[in-house]
Amino acid sequence: MMKQWWARRRAAARMRAEAGMATVEYAMGTLAGCAFAAVLYKVVTSGAVSSALQSVIGRALDGPF
């Protein structure tokens, strides 16, 4: 009886200890996603990439139908 009580108590303590892990993982994933978006924004809005994109879009719009 006492062994079962201790086993349940240890299992409950483990569950409480791991309860915040999902929140931390989501926060780190969100932070990494935001950092990647910021880097991607800087790359896309840079002069060389911006002019290349404008060139590609211009050629696509000027193409024959």
N, C-alpha and C. Protein backbone atom coordinates (compact mmCIF):
# COMPACT_ATOMS: atom_id res chain seq x y z
N MET A 1 0.83 -1.19 0.00
CA MET A 1 0.00 0.00 0.00
C MET A 1 0.87 1.26 0.00
N MET A 2 1.85 1.27 0.88
CA MET A 2 2.72 2.44 0.98
C MET A 2 3.59 2.58 -0.27
N LYS A 3 4.00 1.44 -0.85
CA LYS A 3 4.80 1.48 -2.07
C LYS A 3 4.02 2.11 -3.20
N GLN A 4 2.77 1.78 -3.33
CA GLN A 4 1.92 2.35 -4.39
C GLN A 4 1.73 3.84 -4.19
N TRP A 5 1.56 4.24 -2.94
CA TRP A 5 1.38 5.66 -2.65
C TRP A 5 2.62 6.45 -3.07
N TRP A 6 3.82 5.93 -2.75
CA TRP A 6 5.05 6.61 -3.12
C TRP A 6 5.23 6.63 -4.64
N ALA A 7 4.84 5.54 -5.31
CA ALA A 7 4.95 5.50 -6.77
C ALA A 7 4.05 6.56 -7.40
N ARG A 8 2.84 6.68 -6.90
CA ARG A 8 1.92 7.71 -7.43
C ARG A 8 2.45 9.10 -7.14
N ARG A 9 3.01 9.28 -5.96
CA ARG A 9 3.54 10.60 -5.59
C ARG A 9 4.72 10.98 -6.48
N ARG A 10 5.63 10.03 -6.76
CA ARG A 10 6.77 10.31 -7.64
C ARG A 10 6.30 10.61 -9.06
N ALA A 11 5.30 9.87 -9.53
CA ALA A 11 4.77 10.10 -10.88
C ALA A 11 4.15 11.49 -10.97
N ALA A 12 3.43 11.89 -9.96
CA ALA A 12 2.81 13.22 -9.94
C ALA A 12 3.88 14.31 -9.91
N ALA A 13 4.95 14.09 -9.15
CA ALA A 13 6.03 15.07 -9.08
C ALA A 13 6.73 15.20 -10.43
N ARG A 14 6.93 14.06 -11.13
CA ARG A 14 7.54 14.11 -12.45
C ARG A 14 6.66 14.89 -13.42
N MET A 15 5.36 14.68 -13.35
CA MET A 15 4.44 15.39 -14.25
C MET A 15 4.49 16.88 -13.98
N ARG A 16 4.57 17.28 -12.72
CA ARG A 16 4.65 18.71 -12.39
C ARG A 16 5.97 19.29 -12.88
N ALA A 17 7.05 18.55 -12.77
CA ALA A 17 8.36 19.04 -13.17
C ALA A 17 8.42 19.25 -14.68
N GLU A 18 7.71 18.44 -15.45
CA GLU A 18 7.73 18.55 -16.90
C GLU A 18 6.61 19.41 -17.45
N ALA A 19 5.78 19.95 -16.60
CA ALA A 19 4.62 20.72 -17.06
C ALA A 19 5.03 21.98 -17.82
N GLY A 20 6.11 22.63 -17.43
CA GLY A 20 6.52 23.86 -18.08
C GLY A 20 7.37 23.66 -19.33
N MET A 21 7.76 22.45 -19.61
CA MET A 21 8.64 22.21 -20.75
C MET A 21 7.97 22.57 -22.07
N ALA A 22 6.71 22.27 -22.21
CA ALA A 22 6.03 22.59 -23.48
C ALA A 22 6.00 24.10 -23.69
N THR A 23 5.78 24.85 -22.65
CA THR A 23 5.74 26.31 -22.75
C THR A 23 7.10 26.85 -23.18
N VAL A 24 8.16 26.33 -22.60
CA VAL A 24 9.50 26.78 -22.96
C VAL A 24 9.81 26.40 -24.41
N GLU A 25 9.41 25.20 -24.81
CA GLU A 25 9.66 24.78 -26.19
C GLU A 25 8.90 25.66 -27.17
N TYR A 26 7.65 26.00 -26.87
CA TYR A 26 6.90 26.89 -27.75
C TYR A 26 7.54 28.27 -27.81
N ALA A 27 8.00 28.77 -26.68
CA ALA A 27 8.63 30.09 -26.64
C ALA A 27 9.91 30.10 -27.48
N MET A 28 10.72 29.06 -27.36
CA MET A 28 11.96 28.99 -28.15
C MET A 28 11.64 28.85 -29.63
N GLY A 29 10.63 28.08 -29.98
CA GLY A 29 10.24 27.94 -31.38
C GLY A 29 9.74 29.25 -31.96
N THR A 30 8.95 29.97 -31.17
CA THR A 30 8.44 31.27 -31.61
C THR A 30 9.58 32.27 -31.79
N LEU A 31 10.50 32.26 -30.84
CA LEU A 31 11.65 33.16 -30.93
C LEU A 31 12.51 32.84 -32.16
N ALA A 32 12.74 31.56 -32.41
CA ALA A 32 13.53 31.17 -33.59
C ALA A 32 12.80 31.55 -34.87
N GLY A 33 11.48 31.38 -34.90
CA GLY A 33 10.70 31.76 -36.08
C GLY A 33 10.75 33.26 -36.34
N CYS A 34 10.66 34.04 -35.29
CA CYS A 34 10.74 35.50 -35.44
C CYS A 34 12.12 35.93 -35.91
N ALA A 35 13.17 35.31 -35.38
CA ALA A 35 14.52 35.64 -35.81
C ALA A 35 14.72 35.29 -37.28
N PHE A 36 14.22 34.13 -37.70
CA PHE A 36 14.33 33.73 -39.10
C PHE A 36 13.56 34.69 -40.00
N ALA A 37 12.37 35.11 -39.56
CA ALA A 37 11.58 36.06 -40.34
C ALA A 37 12.30 37.40 -40.46
N ALA A 38 12.95 37.85 -39.40
CA ALA A 38 13.68 39.12 -39.45
C ALA A 38 14.86 39.03 -40.42
N VAL A 39 15.59 37.93 -40.38
CA VAL A 39 16.72 37.75 -41.30
C VAL A 39 16.22 37.68 -42.73
N LEU A 40 15.15 36.93 -42.95
CA LEU A 40 14.58 36.81 -44.29
C LEU A 40 14.09 38.16 -44.80
N TYR A 41 13.47 38.96 -43.95
CA TYR A 41 13.01 40.30 -44.33
C TYR A 41 14.19 41.18 -44.74
N LYS A 42 15.27 41.13 -43.96
CA LYS A 42 16.45 41.93 -44.29
C LYS A 42 17.05 41.50 -45.63
N VAL A 43 17.07 40.19 -45.88
CA VAL A 43 17.64 39.70 -47.14
C VAL A 43 16.77 40.13 -48.31
N VAL A 44 15.46 39.96 -48.18
CA VAL A 44 14.55 40.27 -49.29
C VAL A 44 14.50 41.77 -49.57
N THR A 45 14.64 42.59 -48.56
CA THR A 45 14.57 44.04 -48.77
C THR A 45 15.95 44.64 -49.07
N SER A 46 16.99 43.84 -49.14
CA SER A 46 18.31 44.37 -49.49
C SER A 46 18.30 44.80 -50.96
N GLY A 47 19.23 45.64 -51.33
CA GLY A 47 19.27 46.20 -52.68
C GLY A 47 19.40 45.16 -53.77
N ALA A 48 20.34 44.24 -53.62
CA ALA A 48 20.59 43.25 -54.67
C ALA A 48 19.40 42.33 -54.87
N VAL A 49 18.85 41.81 -53.81
CA VAL A 49 17.71 40.89 -53.92
C VAL A 49 16.47 41.63 -54.39
N SER A 50 16.26 42.84 -53.90
CA SER A 50 15.09 43.61 -54.32
C SER A 50 15.13 43.90 -55.82
N SER A 51 16.28 44.30 -56.32
CA SER A 51 16.37 44.58 -57.76
C SER A 51 16.21 43.31 -58.58
N ALA A 52 16.74 42.20 -58.09
CA ALA A 52 16.58 40.93 -58.80
C ALA A 52 15.11 40.52 -58.85
N LEU A 53 14.40 40.68 -57.74
CA LEU A 53 12.97 40.34 -57.72
C LEU A 53 12.18 41.25 -58.65
N GLN A 54 12.51 42.53 -58.66
CA GLN A 54 11.82 43.45 -59.56
C GLN A 54 12.09 43.08 -61.01
N SER A 55 13.29 42.67 -61.31
CA SER A 55 13.64 42.25 -62.66
C SER A 55 12.84 41.02 -63.08
N VAL A 56 12.77 40.05 -62.21
CA VAL A 56 12.03 38.81 -62.51
C VAL A 56 10.55 39.11 -62.70
N ILE A 57 9.98 39.92 -61.82
CA ILE A 57 8.56 40.26 -61.94
C ILE A 57 8.30 41.07 -63.19
N GLY A 58 9.21 42.00 -63.49
CA GLY A 58 9.07 42.81 -64.71
C GLY A 58 9.09 41.96 -65.96
N ARG A 59 10.03 41.00 -66.01
CA ARG A 59 10.09 40.11 -67.17
C ARG A 59 8.85 39.23 -67.28
N ALA A 60 8.32 38.80 -66.14
CA ALA A 60 7.12 37.95 -66.15
C ALA A 60 5.90 38.75 -66.64
N LEU A 61 5.82 40.00 -66.26
CA LEU A 61 4.67 40.81 -66.67
C LEU A 61 4.78 41.27 -68.12
N ASP A 62 5.99 41.39 -68.63
CA ASP A 62 6.19 41.81 -70.01
C ASP A 62 6.16 40.66 -71.01
N GLY A 63 6.03 39.47 -70.53
CA GLY A 63 6.04 38.29 -71.41
C GLY A 63 4.80 38.22 -72.28
N PRO A 64 4.90 37.55 -73.41
CA PRO A 64 3.74 37.42 -74.31
C PRO A 64 2.69 36.46 -73.73
N PHE A 65 1.45 36.71 -74.08
CA PHE A 65 0.35 35.86 -73.59
C PHE A 65 0.04 34.80 -74.58
